[in-house]
């Protein structure tokens, strides 16, 4: 059985994360805490051999990937546009409150990418990477919501929020589907969906 292994890592913290603002596809950079989280992630990720590192092109993910790659003595192969965060449209930059509530609709926000659209886009990108890097180990640095909805779709189970710069380890097999081994740095019960 040929498995393709993925580490799916959410970028480090940004000021908007700290302020609990919706970021979405707005390009907010890492803060110093986030840079530290990226460097700290190297200790866990160095326990594996990685064949390729790819990331979202948004600066918070790109810088996280660059810091991790430098710590592992590797380089980032490329930025993958399909790995950008789910767009929250006019809700981006807002915190919980009346202004955000006014934009809520079932399944998201007015003018935003739906969760289903983001999950389809994210999972399609991961499956394309699985085909390209079949049988290898790929480190993907992306975004919390995109990772959460893509993995949830892949394993057929709703996952909770993804923590900054924590290990999420998943395996893909072309016939047997996806298996999630670690989520937010914790071992989970194996789940496979074909």
C-alpha atoms as a PDB file:
ATOM      1  CA  UNK A   1       0.000   0.000   0.000  1.00  0.00           C
ATOM      2  CA  UNK A   2       1.563   3.289  -1.101  1.00  0.00           C
ATOM      3  CA  UNK A   3       0.850   6.122   1.298  1.00  0.00           C
ATOM      4  CA  UNK A   4       1.508   9.791   0.722  1.00  0.00           C
ATOM      5  CA  UNK A   5       2.044  11.505   4.061  1.00  0.00           C
ATOM      6  CA  UNK A   6       1.096  15.111   4.703  1.00  0.00           C
ATOM      7  CA  UNK A   7       1.977  17.423   7.548  1.00  0.00           C
ATOM      8  CA  UNK A   8      -0.675  20.131   7.390  1.00  0.00           C
ATOM      9  CA  UNK A   9       0.524  23.089   9.436  1.00  0.00           C
ATOM     10  CA  UNK A  10      -1.412  26.273  10.063  1.00  0.00           C
ATOM     11  CA  UNK A  11       0.707  29.421   9.850  1.00  0.00           C
ATOM     12  CA  UNK A  12       1.986  31.094  13.024  1.00  0.00           C
ATOM     13  CA  UNK A  13       0.059  33.801  14.846  1.00  0.00           C
ATOM     14  CA  UNK A  14      -0.729  37.212  13.353  1.00  0.00           C
ATOM     15  CA  UNK A  15      -1.947  40.364  15.075  1.00  0.00           C
ATOM     16  CA  UNK A  16      -5.432  39.679  13.729  1.00  0.00           C
ATOM     17  CA  UNK A  17      -5.331  36.171  15.278  1.00  0.00           C
ATOM     18  CA  UNK A  18      -4.391  37.730  18.614  1.00  0.00           C
ATOM     19  CA  UNK A  19      -7.243  40.249  18.268  1.00  0.00           C
ATOM     20  CA  UNK A  20      -9.676  37.468  17.222  1.00  0.00           C
ATOM     21  CA  UNK A  21     -10.436  39.131  13.881  1.00  0.00           C
ATOM     22  CA  UNK A  22     -11.558  37.119  10.865  1.00  0.00           C
ATOM     23  CA  UNK A  23      -8.582  37.032   8.486  1.00  0.00           C
ATOM     24  CA  UNK A  24      -9.684  35.015   5.514  1.00  0.00           C
ATOM     25  CA  UNK A  25      -7.860  35.882   2.313  1.00  0.00           C
ATOM     26  CA  UNK A  26      -6.683  39.274   3.629  1.00  0.00           C
ATOM     27  CA  UNK A  27      -2.876  39.148   3.582  1.00  0.00           C
ATOM     28  CA  UNK A  28      -1.910  39.801   7.217  1.00  0.00           C
ATOM     29  CA  UNK A  29       1.749  39.114   8.143  1.00  0.00           C
ATOM     30  CA  UNK A  30       3.071  37.025  11.024  1.00  0.00           C
ATOM     31  CA  UNK A  31       3.808  38.763  14.297  1.00  0.00           C
ATOM     32  CA  UNK A  32       6.808  37.941  16.504  1.00  0.00           C
ATOM     33  CA  UNK A  33       4.828  35.302  18.413  1.00  0.00           C
ATOM     34  CA  UNK A  34       3.974  33.652  15.088  1.00  0.00           C
ATOM     35  CA  UNK A  35       7.606  33.650  13.997  1.00  0.00           C
ATOM     36  CA  UNK A  36       8.511  31.954  17.281  1.00  0.00           C
ATOM     37  CA  UNK A  37       5.752  29.366  16.761  1.00  0.00           C
ATOM     38  CA  UNK A  38       7.105  28.595  13.287  1.00  0.00           C
ATOM     39  CA  UNK A  39      10.620  28.106  14.669  1.00  0.00           C
ATOM     40  CA  UNK A  40       9.258  25.943  17.511  1.00  0.00           C
ATOM     41  CA  UNK A  41       7.407  23.719  15.020  1.00  0.00           C
ATOM     42  CA  UNK A  42      10.753  22.615  13.591  1.00  0.00           C
ATOM     43  CA  UNK A  43      11.430  20.441  16.663  1.00  0.00           C
ATOM     44  CA  UNK A  44       8.367  18.260  15.977  1.00  0.00           C
ATOM     45  CA  UNK A  45       8.695  18.309  12.192  1.00  0.00           C
ATOM     46  CA  UNK A  46      12.381  17.343  12.293  1.00  0.00           C
ATOM     47  CA  UNK A  47      11.299  13.897  13.504  1.00  0.00           C
ATOM     48  CA  UNK A  48      10.242  13.133   9.920  1.00  0.00           C
ATOM     49  CA  UNK A  49      11.998  13.208   6.558  1.00  0.00           C
ATOM     50  CA  UNK A  50      10.235  15.633   4.188  1.00  0.00           C
ATOM     51  CA  UNK A  51      10.438  15.326   0.409  1.00  0.00           C
ATOM     52  CA  UNK A  52       8.779  18.660  -0.363  1.00  0.00           C
ATOM     53  CA  UNK A  53       7.459  21.780   1.336  1.00  0.00           C
ATOM     54  CA  UNK A  54       4.678  23.831  -0.244  1.00  0.00           C
ATOM     55  CA  UNK A  55       2.607  26.695   1.103  1.00  0.00           C
ATOM     56  CA  UNK A  56      -0.164  29.132   0.481  1.00  0.00           C
ATOM     57  CA  UNK A  57       1.117  32.333  -1.155  1.00  0.00           C
ATOM     58  CA  UNK A  58      -0.359  34.542   1.606  1.00  0.00           C
ATOM     59  CA  UNK A  59       2.542  36.069   3.536  1.00  0.00           C
ATOM     60  CA  UNK A  60       1.678  34.558   6.925  1.00  0.00           C
ATOM     61  CA  UNK A  61       1.810  31.025   5.496  1.00  0.00           C
ATOM     62  CA  UNK A  62       4.735  31.731   3.169  1.00  0.00           C
ATOM     63  CA  UNK A  63       6.888  33.144   5.986  1.00  0.00           C
ATOM     64  CA  UNK A  64       5.941  30.256   8.290  1.00  0.00           C
ATOM     65  CA  UNK A  65       6.965  27.804   5.562  1.00  0.00           C
ATOM     66  CA  UNK A  66      10.224  29.665   4.957  1.00  0.00           C
ATOM     67  CA  UNK A  67      11.102  29.630   8.681  1.00  0.00           C
ATOM     68  CA  UNK A  68      10.287  25.926   9.005  1.00  0.00           C
ATOM     69  CA  UNK A  69      12.193  25.086   5.818  1.00  0.00           C
ATOM     70  CA  UNK A  70      15.254  26.994   7.046  1.00  0.00           C
ATOM     71  CA  UNK A  71      15.097  25.137  10.366  1.00  0.00           C
ATOM     72  CA  UNK A  72      14.927  21.799   8.554  1.00  0.00           C
ATOM     73  CA  UNK A  73      17.684  22.711   6.090  1.00  0.00           C
ATOM     74  CA  UNK A  74      15.261  22.542   3.166  1.00  0.00           C
ATOM     75  CA  UNK A  75      13.672  24.994   0.756  1.00  0.00           C
ATOM     76  CA  UNK A  76      10.054  25.633  -0.166  1.00  0.00           C
ATOM     77  CA  UNK A  77       9.234  24.007  -3.506  1.00  0.00           C
ATOM     78  CA  UNK A  78       6.440  26.422  -4.403  1.00  0.00           C
ATOM     79  CA  UNK A  79       3.436  28.485  -3.352  1.00  0.00           C
ATOM     80  CA  UNK A  80       0.096  26.903  -4.230  1.00  0.00           C
ATOM     81  CA  UNK A  81      -2.673  29.485  -4.858  1.00  0.00           C
ATOM     82  CA  UNK A  82      -5.428  26.926  -4.131  1.00  0.00           C
ATOM     83  CA  UNK A  83      -4.156  26.720  -0.534  1.00  0.00           C
ATOM     84  CA  UNK A  84      -5.128  30.296   0.374  1.00  0.00           C
ATOM     85  CA  UNK A  85      -7.537  30.716   3.256  1.00  0.00           C
ATOM     86  CA  UNK A  86     -11.297  30.685   2.794  1.00  0.00           C
ATOM     87  CA  UNK A  87     -12.506  34.133   1.779  1.00  0.00           C
ATOM     88  CA  UNK A  88     -14.842  35.652   4.356  1.00  0.00           C
ATOM     89  CA  UNK A  89     -15.645  38.603   2.059  1.00  0.00           C
ATOM     90  CA  UNK A  90     -16.875  41.737   3.871  1.00  0.00           C
ATOM     91  CA  UNK A  91     -16.585  39.947   7.241  1.00  0.00           C
ATOM     92  CA  UNK A  92     -12.780  39.980   7.054  1.00  0.00           C
ATOM     93  CA  UNK A  93     -11.191  42.141   9.706  1.00  0.00           C
ATOM     94  CA  UNK A  94     -14.250  42.023  11.955  1.00  0.00           C
ATOM     95  CA  UNK A  95     -14.455  40.721  15.507  1.00  0.00           C
ATOM     96  CA  UNK A  96     -17.499  39.105  17.126  1.00  0.00           C
ATOM     97  CA  UNK A  97     -20.278  41.619  17.536  1.00  0.00           C
ATOM     98  CA  UNK A  98     -23.268  43.259  15.839  1.00  0.00           C
ATOM     99  CA  UNK A  99     -21.410  44.240  12.660  1.00  0.00           C
ATOM    100  CA  UNK A 100     -20.279  40.638  12.091  1.00  0.00           C
ATOM    101  CA  UNK A 101     -23.665  39.223  13.100  1.00  0.00           C
ATOM    102  CA  UNK A 102     -25.351  41.411  10.470  1.00  0.00           C
ATOM    103  CA  UNK A 103     -23.360  39.596   7.757  1.00  0.00           C
ATOM    104  CA  UNK A 104     -24.169  36.070   8.960  1.00  0.00           C
ATOM    105  CA  UNK A 105     -26.179  33.751   6.754  1.00  0.00           C
ATOM    106  CA  UNK A 106     -26.636  29.972   7.087  1.00  0.00           C
ATOM    107  CA  UNK A 107     -23.225  28.379   6.529  1.00  0.00           C
ATOM    108  CA  UNK A 108     -21.165  31.570   6.633  1.00  0.00           C
ATOM    109  CA  UNK A 109     -21.298  35.230   5.684  1.00  0.00           C
ATOM    110  CA  UNK A 110     -22.825  37.246   2.854  1.00  0.00           C
ATOM    111  CA  UNK A 111     -20.345  37.748   0.023  1.00  0.00           C
ATOM    112  CA  UNK A 112     -17.997  35.041   1.325  1.00  0.00           C
ATOM    113  CA  UNK A 113     -16.759  31.729  -0.034  1.00  0.00           C
ATOM    114  CA  UNK A 114     -18.909  28.943   1.401  1.00  0.00           C
ATOM    115  CA  UNK A 115     -17.415  26.303   3.663  1.00  0.00           C
ATOM    116  CA  UNK A 116     -18.311  23.705   1.035  1.00  0.00           C
ATOM    117  CA  UNK A 117     -16.486  25.643  -1.703  1.00  0.00           C
ATOM    118  CA  UNK A 118     -13.396  26.013   0.491  1.00  0.00           C
ATOM    119  CA  UNK A 119     -13.454  22.307   1.427  1.00  0.00           C
ATOM    120  CA  UNK A 120     -13.738  21.258  -2.240  1.00  0.00           C
ATOM    121  CA  UNK A 121     -10.909  23.577  -3.281  1.00  0.00           C
ATOM    122  CA  UNK A 122      -8.630  22.560  -0.401  1.00  0.00           C
ATOM    123  CA  UNK A 123      -9.199  18.836  -0.734  1.00  0.00           C
ATOM    124  CA  UNK A 124      -8.754  18.961  -4.532  1.00  0.00           C
ATOM    125  CA  UNK A 125      -5.422  20.716  -4.006  1.00  0.00           C
ATOM    126  CA  UNK A 126      -4.291  18.108  -1.462  1.00  0.00           C
ATOM    127  CA  UNK A 127      -5.344  15.263  -3.741  1.00  0.00           C
ATOM    128  CA  UNK A 128      -3.422  16.834  -6.638  1.00  0.00           C
ATOM    129  CA  UNK A 129      -0.362  17.034  -4.364  1.00  0.00           C
ATOM    130  CA  UNK A 130      -0.918  13.392  -3.326  1.00  0.00           C
ATOM    131  CA  UNK A 131      -0.871  12.382  -6.988  1.00  0.00           C
ATOM    132  CA  UNK A 132       2.208  14.504  -7.734  1.00  0.00           C
ATOM    133  CA  UNK A 133       4.154  13.286  -4.674  1.00  0.00           C
ATOM    134  CA  UNK A 134       2.754   9.739  -4.528  1.00  0.00           C
ATOM    135  CA  UNK A 135       4.440   7.683  -1.824  1.00  0.00           C
ATOM    136  CA  UNK A 136       6.387  10.635  -0.450  1.00  0.00           C
ATOM    137  CA  UNK A 137       6.171  13.061   2.502  1.00  0.00           C
ATOM    138  CA  UNK A 138       4.866  16.582   1.900  1.00  0.00           C
ATOM    139  CA  UNK A 139       4.814  19.429   4.395  1.00  0.00           C
ATOM    140  CA  UNK A 140       1.988  21.866   3.603  1.00  0.00           C
ATOM    141  CA  UNK A 141       1.738  25.244   5.335  1.00  0.00           C
ATOM    142  CA  UNK A 142      -1.697  26.787   4.929  1.00  0.00           C
ATOM    143  CA  UNK A 143      -4.557  28.215   6.989  1.00  0.00           C
ATOM    144  CA  UNK A 144      -6.757  27.092   9.862  1.00  0.00           C
ATOM    145  CA  UNK A 145     -10.179  27.080   8.256  1.00  0.00           C
ATOM    146  CA  UNK A 146      -8.915  25.632   4.971  1.00  0.00           C
ATOM    147  CA  UNK A 147      -7.083  22.806   6.773  1.00  0.00           C
ATOM    148  CA  UNK A 148     -10.066  22.122   9.067  1.00  0.00           C
ATOM    149  CA  UNK A 149     -12.712  21.948   6.329  1.00  0.00           C
ATOM    150  CA  UNK A 150     -10.458  20.017   3.916  1.00  0.00           C
ATOM    151  CA  UNK A 151      -9.530  17.393   6.519  1.00  0.00           C
ATOM    152  CA  UNK A 152     -13.132  17.187   7.720  1.00  0.00           C
ATOM    153  CA  UNK A 153     -14.245  16.482   4.149  1.00  0.00           C
ATOM    154  CA  UNK A 154     -11.409  13.978   3.645  1.00  0.00           C
ATOM    155  CA  UNK A 155     -12.170  11.851   6.713  1.00  0.00           C
ATOM    156  CA  UNK A 156     -15.935  12.385   6.851  1.00  0.00           C
ATOM    157  CA  UNK A 157     -15.905  13.805  10.368  1.00  0.00           C
ATOM    158  CA  UNK A 158     -16.225  17.395  11.596  1.00  0.00           C
ATOM    159  CA  UNK A 159     -13.019  18.654  13.180  1.00  0.00           C
ATOM    160  CA  UNK A 160     -12.622  21.574  15.573  1.00  0.00           C
ATOM    161  CA  UNK A 161     -10.390  24.598  14.997  1.00  0.00           C
ATOM    162  CA  UNK A 162      -6.759  24.153  13.975  1.00  0.00           C
ATOM    163  CA  UNK A 163      -4.119  25.650  16.263  1.00  0.00           C
ATOM    164  CA  UNK A 164      -1.272  27.816  14.985  1.00  0.00           C
ATOM    165  CA  UNK A 165       1.888  25.941  13.933  1.00  0.00           C
ATOM    166  CA  UNK A 166       0.792  22.554  15.326  1.00  0.00           C
ATOM    167  CA  UNK A 167       1.283  19.181  13.630  1.00  0.00           C
ATOM    168  CA  UNK A 168      -1.661  17.704  11.740  1.00  0.00           C
ATOM    169  CA  UNK A 169      -0.471  14.484  10.127  1.00  0.00           C
ATOM    170  CA  UNK A 170      -2.595  12.762   7.496  1.00  0.00           C
ATOM    171  CA  UNK A 171      -1.968   9.917   5.075  1.00  0.00           C
ATOM    172  CA  UNK A 172      -3.497   9.504   1.628  1.00  0.00           C
ATOM    173  CA  UNK A 173      -3.929   6.252  -0.272  1.00  0.00           C
ATOM    174  CA  UNK A 174      -5.438   6.366  -3.760  1.00  0.00           C
ATOM    175  CA  UNK A 175      -7.785   3.434  -3.045  1.00  0.00           C
ATOM    176  CA  UNK A 176      -8.373   3.549   0.715  1.00  0.00           C
ATOM    177  CA  UNK A 177      -8.694   7.327   1.089  1.00  0.00           C
ATOM    178  CA  UNK A 178      -7.490   9.491   3.959  1.00  0.00           C
ATOM    179  CA  UNK A 179      -6.316   8.623   7.459  1.00  0.00           C
ATOM    180  CA  UNK A 180      -5.732  11.264  10.122  1.00  0.00           C
ATOM    181  CA  UNK A 181      -2.967  10.330  12.586  1.00  0.00           C
ATOM    182  CA  UNK A 182      -2.360  13.607  14.464  1.00  0.00           C
ATOM    183  CA  UNK A 183      -4.612  16.633  14.927  1.00  0.00           C
ATOM    184  CA  UNK A 184      -3.352  19.737  16.744  1.00  0.00           C
ATOM    185  CA  UNK A 185      -0.319  17.739  17.846  1.00  0.00           C
ATOM    186  CA  UNK A 186      -2.349  14.940  19.460  1.00  0.00           C
ATOM    187  CA  UNK A 187      -2.679  11.368  18.172  1.00  0.00           C
ATOM    188  CA  UNK A 188      -6.233  10.637  17.058  1.00  0.00           C
ATOM    189  CA  UNK A 189      -8.164   7.476  16.322  1.00  0.00           C
ATOM    190  CA  UNK A 190      -7.503   6.519  12.712  1.00  0.00           C
ATOM    191  CA  UNK A 191     -10.333   7.433  10.381  1.00  0.00           C
ATOM    192  CA  UNK A 192     -10.449   6.296   6.783  1.00  0.00           C
ATOM    193  CA  UNK A 193     -12.866   7.356   4.094  1.00  0.00           C
ATOM    194  CA  UNK A 194     -12.542   5.931   0.600  1.00  0.00           C
END
